[in-house]
Amino acid sequence: MGEKSKKGGCCGWILVLIVAGAAAAAIVVLVMKKLNGSSPGAAPVPGPPGSPVKKYEDALKTAMQFFDIQKSGKLANNKISWRGDSAVKDGSPAKLDLSKGMYDAGDHMKFNFPMAYTATVLSWAILEYGDQMKVVNQLEPAQDSLKWITDYLINCHPKDNVLYIQVGDPDADHKCWDRPEDMTESRPLIQINATVPGTEVAAETAAAMAAASLVFKSDSTYSSDLLKHAKQLFTFADKFRGSYSQNIPEVATYYNSTGYGDELLWAAGWLYHATGDQTYYDYATGKNADSFGNFGNPTWFSWDNKLAGTQVLLSRVSFFNSKENSDTLQEYRKTAEAVMCGLLPKSPTATSSRTDSGLIWVSEWNALQHPVASAFLAVVYSDYMLTSRTAKITCNGNAYTPSDLRKFATSQADYVLGDNPSKMSFLVGYGDKYPQYVHHRGASIPKDAKTGCKDGWKYLDSTKPNPNVATGALVGGPFLNETYIDSRNNSMQGEPTTYNSAVIVGLLSGLVTTSSVVQSFTGA
């Protein structure tokens, strides 16, 4: 009895200790979860980049090459056998060197509004996924292409309140079909200034330079120069407000802006990330957010509308900076989640803007811009969730995980790469079947052909496939019924753009492997 009684007492104390220990452990776990912002059921935080996915590695290496094809100026380390120096005197009417930069599409125009967007998105992709690019040896090519644009943008900004925003006359340019190396047509310049403002293009250029200053922070002189221009341009954009396509009507034919409020918020967001200056945070979350934020209304991310990108970018602050947690910041994050809910095909609020095979489809012209840009935002947001150990988002009561967002992003990438009814890759040079008649002057004219402005039209009308492969070009894409007409005269579907390359590079860089994203772009 005595022995038994003693034994029972000992077991009881052991049980009490076990329960107390478990309770203490639970408290520690809860405290750690609170500190880390993680939630029950969250997936583990990914480690360093893993083994690359072969198809995305190959596609990324292919996509990166189109930037080299689009380069203007005196080419250094030229990797494209059928390209050479071109437009080396661009900027001469203003005694500026505007020879660098990139041609917009299949023509020879430099439109700075979409080109600056290209630089901003490419910078963002490098900042989020530079470690993954490095695994497949694509970080240096990405940085090189970005610098080719930012060198040009710096030279476009000779004074605080002067920014050159276009090189070339689109009417004259589009009357010719020639190689960029052979063009002789005039290359006039268009500028914005305090008298003729263009807020959206000045703000987008500020965003590009602020983002790029983070990419090149190891080169402190260049990074500081970019940031100086970014700050000046943001002040210019905000102080002298006006739409560039209203003040300069001729630009509206090609890249008409639907408003400048989104670019102001986008630029402020990038400047906050680049500087940590509270002034830019307050700008993006204060009265300007009330005026331009359009909270609760999901939009499509594009060269014209940056709201969805801004919402995801500022969600990054909500995920990783516990010091900043204003009501407005939460509105950015809620609207970013509404964007994600619209993209997820099984969500109660899923957009109906899709093809039967599930491709996001918004516009006949350049149809692939929206699904690829949307997929890029989805993979970025999913990685914010994984790195912060956020288990789910909720769409009208239904829960979705980071893997659901990644699955959506993968579906859009796979469609582009050939998993579609045509079984054709829309990324030129990838896979066994891709467009052969891309609407691109340089690709369509033999390297050794001697053509002037007019006599090159025979190559546009030729029934032979392009003699030069525009490797990495992301063409416009399919119609809503998922057909594609591979004709050089079909610019609606067959013309690639440089800004399409930025979003496909961003998407593929996010999918090529997995890793956690950095919690601060500055390393602070």
Protein backbone atom coordinates (compact mmCIF):
# COMPACT_ATOMS: atom_id res chain seq x y z
CA MET A 1 0.00 0.00 0.00
CA GLY A 2 2.70 2.42 1.09
CA GLU A 3 4.89 1.64 -1.92
CA LYS A 4 1.99 1.82 -4.28
CA SER A 5 0.86 5.13 -2.78
CA LYS A 6 4.32 6.65 -3.16
CA LYS A 7 4.54 5.51 -6.78
CA GLY A 8 1.17 7.06 -7.59
CA GLY A 9 2.23 10.39 -6.08
CA CYS A 10 5.41 10.42 -8.14
CA CYS A 11 3.44 9.78 -11.37
CA GLY A 12 1.06 12.58 -10.51
CA TRP A 13 3.92 15.08 -10.13
CA ILE A 14 5.44 13.89 -13.39
CA LEU A 15 2.10 14.42 -15.11
CA VAL A 16 1.84 17.93 -13.68
CA LEU A 17 5.36 18.74 -14.88
CA ILE A 18 4.58 17.40 -18.38
CA VAL A 19 1.40 19.49 -18.62
CA ALA A 20 3.20 22.59 -17.34
CA GLY A 21 6.03 22.06 -19.81
CA ALA A 22 3.61 21.64 -22.67
CA ALA A 23 1.77 24.79 -21.68
CA ALA A 24 5.03 26.74 -21.50
CA ALA A 25 6.08 25.44 -24.89
CA ALA A 26 2.72 26.42 -26.33
CA ILE A 27 3.12 29.93 -24.95
CA VAL A 28 6.59 30.20 -26.48
CA VAL A 29 5.25 29.02 -29.85
CA LEU A 30 2.40 31.51 -29.72
CA VAL A 31 4.74 34.36 -28.80
CA MET A 32 7.14 33.40 -31.60
CA LYS A 33 4.26 33.24 -34.07
CA LYS A 34 3.14 36.67 -33.00
CA LEU A 35 6.65 38.06 -33.33
CA ASN A 36 7.18 36.48 -36.72
CA GLY A 37 3.71 37.36 -37.98
CA SER A 38 3.15 33.73 -38.90
CA SER A 39 -0.12 31.89 -38.64
CA PRO A 40 -1.20 28.35 -37.76
CA GLY A 41 -0.90 25.93 -40.65
CA ALA A 42 1.65 28.07 -42.49
CA ALA A 43 4.10 26.24 -44.73
CA PRO A 44 7.79 26.30 -43.76
CA VAL A 45 9.82 29.27 -44.94
CA PRO A 46 11.79 28.24 -48.06
CA GLY A 47 15.57 28.13 -47.71
CA PRO A 48 18.18 29.16 -50.29
CA PRO A 49 17.37 28.52 -53.97
CA GLY A 50 16.94 24.84 -54.77
CA SER A 51 17.51 22.93 -57.98
CA PRO A 52 16.10 24.78 -61.00
CA VAL A 53 13.10 23.54 -62.95
CA LYS A 54 14.53 22.73 -66.38
CA LYS A 55 11.72 24.08 -68.54
CA TYR A 56 11.63 27.41 -66.69
CA GLU A 57 15.41 27.63 -66.75
CA ASP A 58 15.45 27.14 -70.52
CA ALA A 59 12.57 29.57 -70.99
CA LEU A 60 14.22 32.23 -68.81
CA LYS A 61 17.48 31.99 -70.74
CA THR A 62 15.48 32.33 -73.95
CA ALA A 63 13.37 35.28 -72.76
CA MET A 64 16.38 37.26 -71.53
CA GLN A 65 17.83 37.40 -75.06
CA PHE A 66 15.12 39.66 -76.45
CA PHE A 67 16.51 42.58 -74.47
CA ASP A 68 19.76 42.24 -76.46
CA ILE A 69 17.77 42.23 -79.70
CA GLN A 70 16.05 45.49 -78.73
CA LYS A 71 19.15 47.46 -77.74
CA SER A 72 19.84 50.73 -79.49
CA GLY A 73 23.18 52.53 -79.75
CA LYS A 74 26.76 51.30 -80.01
CA LEU A 75 26.52 47.70 -78.89
CA ALA A 76 29.04 46.34 -76.41
CA ASN A 77 29.59 42.59 -76.25
CA ASN A 78 26.90 42.09 -78.87
CA LYS A 79 25.51 38.56 -78.63
CA ILE A 80 23.02 38.83 -81.52
CA SER A 81 24.67 37.97 -84.85
CA TRP A 82 22.17 39.92 -86.96
CA ARG A 83 22.22 43.10 -84.86
CA GLY A 84 24.71 45.96 -85.01
CA ASP A 85 25.12 49.58 -83.96
CA SER A 86 22.12 51.82 -84.62
CA ALA A 87 20.65 55.21 -83.70
CA VAL A 88 24.05 56.34 -82.44
CA LYS A 89 23.14 60.01 -83.05
CA ASP A 90 19.86 59.90 -81.10
CA GLY A 91 19.59 63.00 -78.92
CA SER A 92 21.88 65.12 -81.07
CA PRO A 93 19.24 67.86 -81.70
CA ALA A 94 19.41 68.57 -77.94
CA LYS A 95 23.16 67.89 -77.72
CA LEU A 96 22.45 64.82 -75.59
CA ASP A 97 23.54 61.20 -75.96
CA LEU A 98 20.26 59.30 -76.16
CA SER A 99 21.74 56.48 -78.22
CA LYS A 100 21.10 53.76 -75.64
CA GLY A 101 17.73 52.52 -74.43
CA MET A 102 15.65 49.93 -76.23
CA TYR A 103 13.30 49.91 -79.16
CA ASP A 104 9.71 49.52 -78.10
CA ALA A 105 8.50 46.62 -80.24
CA GLY A 106 8.93 45.58 -83.86
CA ASP A 107 9.57 49.20 -84.84
CA HIS A 108 12.40 51.62 -84.02
CA MET A 109 10.63 53.96 -81.61
CA LYS A 110 11.78 54.79 -78.11
CA PHE A 111 8.67 55.42 -76.06
CA ASN A 112 9.87 56.22 -72.54
CA PHE A 113 6.58 55.59 -70.73
CA PRO A 114 6.55 51.83 -71.41
CA MET A 115 10.37 51.68 -71.43
CA ALA A 116 10.57 53.09 -67.90
CA TYR A 117 7.93 50.56 -66.82
CA THR A 118 10.15 47.85 -68.34
CA ALA A 119 13.01 49.06 -66.15
CA THR A 120 10.87 49.19 -63.01
CA VAL A 121 9.52 45.67 -63.46
CA LEU A 122 12.91 44.25 -64.40
CA SER A 123 14.38 45.87 -61.28
CA TRP A 124 11.60 44.40 -59.17
CA ALA A 125 12.23 40.94 -60.61
CA ILE A 126 15.95 41.22 -59.82
CA LEU A 127 15.30 42.45 -56.28
CA GLU A 128 12.88 39.61 -55.50
CA TYR A 129 14.53 36.81 -57.49
CA GLY A 130 18.13 37.80 -58.17
CA ASP A 131 19.34 34.81 -56.16
CA GLN A 132 17.23 32.51 -58.33
CA MET A 133 18.43 34.20 -61.52
CA LYS A 134 22.00 33.68 -60.33
CA VAL A 135 21.49 29.93 -59.99
CA VAL A 136 20.88 29.73 -63.75
CA ASN A 137 23.45 32.42 -64.68
CA GLN A 138 20.88 35.03 -65.66
CA LEU A 139 21.49 37.70 -63.02
CA GLU A 140 24.29 39.44 -64.91
CA PRO A 141 22.37 39.53 -68.22
CA ALA A 142 19.36 41.00 -66.39
CA GLN A 143 21.48 43.68 -64.73
CA ASP A 144 23.21 44.47 -68.03
CA SER A 145 19.88 44.94 -69.81
CA LEU A 146 18.54 47.07 -66.99
CA LYS A 147 21.60 49.33 -67.02
CA TRP A 148 21.27 49.78 -70.79
CA ILE A 149 17.89 51.39 -70.09
CA THR A 150 18.82 53.35 -66.95
CA ASP A 151 21.93 54.83 -68.63
CA TYR A 152 19.56 56.17 -71.28
CA LEU A 153 16.99 57.43 -68.76
CA ILE A 154 19.66 59.35 -66.85
CA ASN A 155 20.66 61.13 -70.07
CA CYS A 156 16.99 61.88 -70.79
CA HIS A 157 16.90 64.00 -67.62
CA PRO A 158 19.34 66.89 -68.20
CA LYS A 159 17.60 69.36 -65.82
CA ASP A 160 15.41 68.99 -62.74
CA ASN A 161 12.19 69.82 -64.58
CA VAL A 162 13.04 68.61 -68.09
CA LEU A 163 12.65 65.02 -69.21
CA TYR A 164 12.90 63.75 -72.77
CA ILE A 165 10.21 61.11 -73.20
CA GLN A 166 10.35 60.01 -76.86
CA VAL A 167 12.89 59.56 -79.62
CA GLY A 168 11.60 59.22 -83.17
CA ASP A 169 8.48 60.22 -85.07
CA PRO A 170 6.08 57.27 -85.07
CA ASP A 171 4.32 58.42 -88.24
CA ALA A 172 7.60 58.64 -90.16
CA ASP A 173 8.97 55.51 -88.50
CA HIS A 174 5.94 53.42 -89.40
CA LYS A 175 6.16 54.44 -93.07
CA CYS A 176 9.42 52.51 -93.30
CA TRP A 177 10.30 48.84 -93.10
CA ASP A 178 14.04 48.71 -92.58
CA ARG A 179 16.71 47.40 -90.24
CA PRO A 180 17.57 49.73 -87.34
CA GLU A 181 21.18 49.69 -88.51
CA ASP A 182 20.12 51.17 -91.88
CA MET A 183 17.44 53.69 -90.90
CA THR A 184 17.86 57.23 -92.22
CA GLU A 185 14.56 58.82 -91.16
CA SER A 186 14.68 61.80 -88.80
CA ARG A 187 14.71 61.13 -85.05
CA PRO A 188 13.00 64.13 -83.41
CA LEU A 189 12.72 64.41 -79.63
CA ILE A 190 9.76 65.13 -77.36
CA GLN A 191 10.22 66.53 -73.87
CA ILE A 192 8.05 67.34 -70.88
CA ASN A 193 8.79 70.32 -68.65
CA ALA A 194 7.17 72.69 -66.17
CA THR A 195 5.12 74.30 -68.96
CA VAL A 196 4.17 71.04 -70.68
CA PRO A 197 4.04 68.52 -67.80
CA GLY A 198 3.67 64.77 -68.04
CA THR A 199 3.19 63.44 -64.54
CA GLU A 200 2.76 59.77 -65.38
CA VAL A 201 5.94 59.41 -67.43
CA ALA A 202 8.00 61.49 -64.98
CA ALA A 203 6.71 59.43 -62.05
CA GLU A 204 7.27 56.12 -63.84
CA THR A 205 10.82 57.17 -64.63
CA ALA A 206 11.29 58.08 -60.96
CA ALA A 207 10.01 54.63 -59.99
CA ALA A 208 12.40 52.97 -62.44
CA MET A 209 15.40 54.88 -61.13
CA ALA A 210 14.50 54.33 -57.47
CA ALA A 211 14.07 50.59 -58.01
CA ALA A 212 17.26 50.37 -60.08
CA SER A 213 19.20 52.25 -57.38
CA LEU A 214 18.54 49.24 -55.15
CA VAL A 215 19.66 46.78 -57.82
CA PHE A 216 22.97 48.64 -58.26
CA LYS A 217 23.58 49.50 -54.60
CA SER A 218 26.98 47.74 -54.71
CA ASP A 219 28.04 50.55 -57.09
CA SER A 220 27.45 53.39 -54.67
CA THR A 221 28.21 56.18 -57.17
CA TYR A 222 25.81 54.91 -59.83
CA SER A 223 23.16 54.00 -57.27
CA SER A 224 23.32 57.48 -55.72
CA ASP A 225 23.05 59.09 -59.14
CA LEU A 226 19.95 57.06 -59.93
CA LEU A 227 18.39 57.96 -56.60
CA LYS A 228 19.15 61.66 -57.09
CA HIS A 229 17.36 61.61 -60.45
CA ALA A 230 14.47 59.60 -58.96
CA LYS A 231 13.89 62.17 -56.21
CA GLN A 232 14.09 65.10 -58.63
CA LEU A 233 11.72 63.48 -61.08
CA PHE A 234 9.20 62.60 -58.38
CA THR A 235 9.18 66.20 -57.18
CA PHE A 236 8.76 67.36 -60.79
CA ALA A 237 5.94 64.87 -61.42
CA ASP A 238 4.06 65.88 -58.28
CA LYS A 239 4.60 69.63 -58.42
CA PHE A 240 3.69 70.07 -62.08
CA ARG A 241 0.72 67.79 -62.47
CA GLY A 242 -0.73 67.05 -65.87
CA SER A 243 -1.23 64.08 -68.18
CA TYR A 244 1.41 63.72 -70.87
CA SER A 245 -1.07 62.30 -73.38
CA GLN A 246 -3.39 65.29 -72.89
CA ASN A 247 -0.61 67.86 -73.06
CA ILE A 248 1.11 66.15 -76.01
CA PRO A 249 -1.83 64.65 -77.98
CA GLU A 250 0.33 62.92 -80.60
CA VAL A 251 1.63 60.42 -78.02
CA ALA A 252 -1.90 59.23 -77.27
CA THR A 253 -2.11 57.21 -80.50
CA TYR A 254 0.36 54.66 -79.20
CA TYR A 255 0.64 54.90 -75.40
CA ASN A 256 -2.32 56.88 -74.14
CA SER A 257 -2.40 57.26 -70.39
CA THR A 258 -5.65 56.82 -68.48
CA GLY A 259 -4.38 58.82 -65.50
CA TYR A 260 -1.32 59.65 -63.44
CA GLY A 261 -2.42 58.97 -59.86
CA ASP A 262 -1.29 55.34 -59.98
CA GLU A 263 2.21 56.33 -61.11
CA LEU A 264 2.53 58.83 -58.26
CA LEU A 265 1.70 56.16 -55.67
CA TRP A 266 3.90 53.59 -57.44
CA ALA A 267 6.87 55.99 -57.50
CA ALA A 268 6.35 56.97 -53.86
CA GLY A 269 6.29 53.27 -52.93
CA TRP A 270 9.58 52.63 -54.70
CA LEU A 271 11.21 55.72 -53.23
CA TYR A 272 10.16 54.60 -49.76
CA HIS A 273 11.76 51.20 -50.34
CA ALA A 274 14.90 52.84 -51.73
CA THR A 275 15.34 55.48 -49.06
CA GLY A 276 13.38 54.46 -45.96
CA ASP A 277 12.29 58.11 -45.89
CA GLN A 278 8.98 58.41 -44.02
CA THR A 279 7.95 61.27 -46.29
CA TYR A 280 7.39 58.87 -49.19
CA TYR A 281 5.48 56.42 -47.00
CA ASP A 282 3.25 59.24 -45.79
CA TYR A 283 2.72 60.34 -49.41
CA ALA A 284 1.62 56.87 -50.47
CA THR A 285 -0.65 56.34 -47.45
CA GLY A 286 -2.01 59.87 -46.95
CA LYS A 287 -4.43 62.01 -48.94
CA ASN A 288 -2.95 60.85 -52.25
CA ALA A 289 -3.98 57.31 -51.41
CA ASP A 290 -7.51 58.58 -50.78
CA SER A 291 -7.48 60.35 -54.14
CA PHE A 292 -5.84 57.68 -56.29
CA GLY A 293 -5.78 54.35 -54.41
CA ASN A 294 -9.11 53.00 -55.72
CA PHE A 295 -9.13 50.59 -52.79
CA GLY A 296 -11.35 47.54 -52.97
CA ASN A 297 -11.44 47.56 -56.77
CA PRO A 298 -9.03 45.08 -58.39
CA THR A 299 -7.32 46.27 -61.56
CA TRP A 300 -5.00 44.81 -64.21
CA PHE A 301 -1.28 45.52 -63.90
CA SER A 302 0.14 47.00 -67.11
CA TRP A 303 2.35 49.73 -68.59
CA ASP A 304 -0.61 52.09 -68.15
CA ASN A 305 -2.05 51.07 -64.77
CA LYS A 306 0.30 50.45 -61.84
CA LEU A 307 -2.28 50.17 -59.05
CA ALA A 308 -2.17 46.37 -58.67
CA GLY A 309 1.63 46.49 -58.66
CA THR A 310 1.60 49.27 -56.07
CA GLN A 311 -0.78 47.30 -53.88
CA VAL A 312 1.48 44.24 -53.94
CA LEU A 313 4.62 46.37 -53.43
CA LEU A 314 3.18 48.14 -50.39
CA SER A 315 1.83 44.84 -49.05
CA ARG A 316 5.50 43.93 -48.75
CA VAL A 317 5.74 46.64 -46.05
CA SER A 318 2.75 45.14 -44.26
CA PHE A 319 4.25 41.63 -44.40
CA PHE A 320 7.77 42.50 -43.27
CA ASN A 321 7.81 45.84 -41.43
CA SER A 322 5.87 45.65 -38.19
CA LYS A 323 6.58 49.34 -37.48
CA GLU A 324 4.31 50.41 -40.32
CA ASN A 325 0.76 49.16 -39.99
CA SER A 326 -1.60 52.02 -40.76
CA ASP A 327 -5.21 51.53 -41.81
CA THR A 328 -4.31 52.71 -45.29
CA LEU A 329 -1.48 50.18 -45.55
CA GLN A 330 -4.00 47.49 -44.68
CA GLU A 331 -6.23 48.82 -47.48
CA TYR A 332 -3.37 48.30 -49.93
CA ARG A 333 -2.97 44.74 -48.69
CA LYS A 334 -6.70 44.00 -48.73
CA THR A 335 -6.94 45.23 -52.30
CA ALA A 336 -3.87 43.19 -53.27
CA GLU A 337 -5.66 40.17 -51.83
CA ALA A 338 -8.76 41.08 -53.84
CA VAL A 339 -6.54 41.08 -56.95
CA MET A 340 -5.26 37.61 -55.99
CA CYS A 341 -8.79 36.35 -55.33
CA GLY A 342 -9.81 37.52 -58.79
CA LEU A 343 -6.97 35.56 -60.37
CA LEU A 344 -7.55 32.25 -58.59
CA PRO A 345 -9.82 30.22 -60.89
CA LYS A 346 -11.79 28.50 -58.10
CA SER A 347 -12.29 31.62 -56.00
CA PRO A 348 -15.88 32.87 -55.52
CA THR A 349 -14.68 36.21 -56.91
CA ALA A 350 -12.68 34.77 -59.83
CA THR A 351 -12.64 36.96 -62.91
CA SER A 352 -14.52 35.67 -65.93
CA SER A 353 -11.90 37.25 -68.21
CA ARG A 354 -10.36 33.94 -69.29
CA THR A 355 -10.17 31.67 -72.27
CA ASP A 356 -11.75 28.23 -72.08
CA SER A 357 -8.32 26.79 -71.25
CA GLY A 358 -7.85 29.16 -68.32
CA LEU A 359 -5.60 31.91 -69.71
CA ILE A 360 -6.40 35.36 -68.31
CA TRP A 361 -7.59 37.28 -71.36
CA VAL A 362 -8.42 41.00 -71.28
CA SER A 363 -7.50 42.54 -74.63
CA GLU A 364 -7.18 41.50 -78.28
CA TRP A 365 -4.09 43.66 -78.69
CA ASN A 366 -1.09 42.18 -76.91
CA ALA A 367 -3.29 39.67 -75.11
CA LEU A 368 -0.45 38.03 -73.18
CA GLN A 369 0.57 41.17 -71.33
CA HIS A 370 -2.17 40.84 -68.70
CA PRO A 371 -1.95 37.12 -67.85
CA VAL A 372 1.84 37.21 -67.59
CA ALA A 373 1.87 40.41 -65.50
CA SER A 374 -0.88 38.98 -63.28
CA ALA A 375 1.01 35.73 -62.84
CA PHE A 376 4.16 37.66 -61.89
CA LEU A 377 2.24 39.50 -59.15
CA ALA A 378 0.73 36.21 -57.96
CA VAL A 379 4.08 34.45 -57.56
CA VAL A 380 5.53 37.50 -55.77
CA TYR A 381 2.56 37.66 -53.39
CA SER A 382 2.73 33.92 -52.73
CA ASP A 383 6.40 34.29 -51.81
CA TYR A 384 5.60 37.16 -49.44
CA MET A 385 3.11 34.83 -47.76
CA LEU A 386 5.59 31.95 -47.54
CA THR A 387 8.45 34.06 -46.21
CA SER A 388 6.22 35.71 -43.58
CA ARG A 389 4.58 32.36 -42.76
CA THR A 390 1.14 33.64 -43.69
CA ALA A 391 -0.95 30.52 -44.18
CA LYS A 392 -3.81 31.79 -46.29
CA ILE A 393 -5.83 34.55 -47.87
CA THR A 394 -9.61 34.52 -47.71
CA CYS A 395 -11.85 35.10 -50.72
CA ASN A 396 -15.47 35.51 -49.67
CA GLY A 397 -15.02 32.95 -46.91
CA ASN A 398 -12.91 30.46 -48.88
CA ALA A 399 -9.26 30.02 -47.89
CA TYR A 400 -6.40 29.81 -50.39
CA THR A 401 -2.73 29.13 -49.76
CA PRO A 402 0.51 30.35 -51.31
CA SER A 403 0.65 27.12 -53.29
CA ASP A 404 -2.72 27.97 -54.86
CA LEU A 405 -1.30 31.28 -56.09
CA ARG A 406 1.82 29.57 -57.38
CA LYS A 407 -0.31 26.99 -59.17
CA PHE A 408 -2.18 29.80 -60.92
CA ALA A 409 1.09 31.48 -61.92
CA THR A 410 2.43 28.19 -63.22
CA SER A 411 -0.70 27.63 -65.30
CA GLN A 412 -0.24 30.96 -67.08
CA ALA A 413 3.47 30.34 -67.69
CA ASP A 414 2.80 26.85 -69.00
CA TYR A 415 0.14 28.15 -71.38
CA VAL A 416 2.64 30.64 -72.81
CA LEU A 417 5.25 27.89 -73.18
CA GLY A 418 3.01 25.54 -75.17
CA ASP A 419 0.39 23.97 -72.90
CA ASN A 420 -2.44 25.42 -74.97
CA PRO A 421 -4.85 24.22 -77.67
CA SER A 422 -2.39 25.18 -80.45
CA LYS A 423 0.45 23.30 -78.70
CA MET A 424 2.61 26.28 -79.64
CA SER A 425 5.01 28.31 -77.54
CA PHE A 426 4.34 32.04 -77.69
CA LEU A 427 7.92 32.63 -76.53
CA VAL A 428 9.97 32.74 -79.73
CA GLY A 429 12.87 30.30 -79.71
CA TYR A 430 11.47 28.12 -76.93
CA GLY A 431 10.21 24.63 -77.72
CA ASP A 432 9.75 22.92 -81.06
CA LYS A 433 6.90 25.10 -82.32
CA TYR A 434 6.76 28.88 -82.04
CA PRO A 435 5.79 31.81 -84.33
CA GLN A 436 7.88 32.06 -87.49
CA TYR A 437 6.49 35.32 -88.86
CA VAL A 438 7.01 37.67 -85.93
CA HIS A 439 6.13 41.29 -86.69
CA HIS A 440 9.66 42.63 -86.18
CA ARG A 441 11.65 44.55 -88.79
CA GLY A 442 15.13 43.44 -87.81
CA ALA A 443 14.11 39.79 -87.63
CA SER A 444 12.33 39.88 -91.00
CA ILE A 445 15.13 41.38 -93.12
CA PRO A 446 18.29 39.41 -93.97
CA LYS A 447 21.39 40.76 -92.28
CA ASP A 448 23.20 41.39 -95.54
CA ALA A 449 20.24 43.02 -97.33
CA LYS A 450 20.69 46.63 -98.42
CA THR A 451 17.36 48.33 -97.97
CA GLY A 452 16.20 51.87 -97.57
CA CYS A 453 13.01 53.11 -95.97
CA LYS A 454 10.68 51.98 -98.75
CA ASP A 455 12.22 48.99 -100.49
CA GLY A 456 12.20 46.88 -97.36
CA TRP A 457 8.41 46.42 -97.51
CA LYS A 458 8.89 43.32 -99.64
CA TYR A 459 10.21 41.57 -96.54
CA LEU A 460 7.07 42.42 -94.58
CA ASP A 461 4.99 40.80 -97.34
CA SER A 462 7.31 37.82 -97.90
CA THR A 463 5.77 34.38 -97.48
CA LYS A 464 9.06 33.02 -96.14
CA PRO A 465 9.62 32.73 -92.39
CA ASN A 466 11.79 35.40 -90.77
CA PRO A 467 15.45 34.87 -91.69
CA ASN A 468 16.49 35.94 -88.18
CA VAL A 469 14.92 34.44 -85.06
CA ALA A 470 13.76 37.08 -82.58
CA THR A 471 14.80 34.80 -79.72
CA GLY A 472 13.01 35.56 -76.48
CA ALA A 473 10.27 37.66 -78.03
CA LEU A 474 6.91 37.22 -76.30
CA VAL A 475 4.38 37.82 -79.07
CA GLY A 476 0.98 39.41 -78.54
CA GLY A 477 -0.76 36.05 -78.15
CA PRO A 478 -4.04 34.30 -78.88
CA PHE A 479 -7.53 35.57 -79.53
CA LEU A 480 -10.25 34.81 -77.00
CA ASN A 481 -11.13 31.66 -79.00
CA GLU A 482 -7.47 30.61 -78.52
CA THR A 483 -6.50 30.83 -82.18
CA TYR A 484 -3.30 32.46 -83.40
CA ILE A 485 -2.64 33.64 -86.96
CA ASP A 486 1.08 33.47 -87.64
CA SER A 487 1.39 36.30 -90.16
CA ARG A 488 3.94 39.11 -90.26
CA ASN A 489 1.15 41.57 -91.08
CA ASN A 490 -0.75 40.52 -87.94
CA SER A 491 0.75 43.01 -85.52
CA MET A 492 -2.19 42.59 -83.14
CA GLN A 493 -1.07 39.05 -82.31
CA GLY A 494 2.45 38.80 -83.67
CA GLU A 495 4.28 41.90 -82.48
CA PRO A 496 6.47 41.50 -79.38
CA THR A 497 7.19 44.34 -76.95
CA THR A 498 10.07 45.03 -74.63
CA TYR A 499 7.75 45.47 -71.64
CA ASN A 500 6.28 42.01 -72.29
CA SER A 501 9.82 40.72 -71.86
CA ALA A 502 10.08 42.35 -68.44
CA VAL A 503 7.01 40.58 -67.06
CA ILE A 504 7.83 37.18 -68.57
CA VAL A 505 11.39 37.40 -67.19
CA GLY A 506 9.94 38.31 -63.79
CA LEU A 507 7.48 35.42 -63.86
CA LEU A 508 10.01 32.82 -64.99
CA SER A 509 12.55 34.04 -62.43
CA GLY A 510 9.97 33.44 -59.72
CA LEU A 511 9.19 29.94 -60.97
CA VAL A 512 12.66 28.69 -61.95
CA THR A 513 13.25 27.51 -58.36
CA THR A 514 12.07 28.40 -54.86
CA SER A 515 13.62 30.46 -52.07
CA SER A 516 12.55 32.96 -49.45
CA VAL A 517 12.41 36.60 -50.53
CA VAL A 518 14.49 39.19 -48.71
CA GLN A 519 12.59 41.05 -46.03
CA SER A 520 14.27 44.35 -46.91
CA PHE A 521 15.66 45.48 -50.28
CA THR A 522 18.24 47.63 -48.48
CA GLY A 523 19.44 44.85 -46.18
CA ALA A 524 18.41 46.93 -43.16
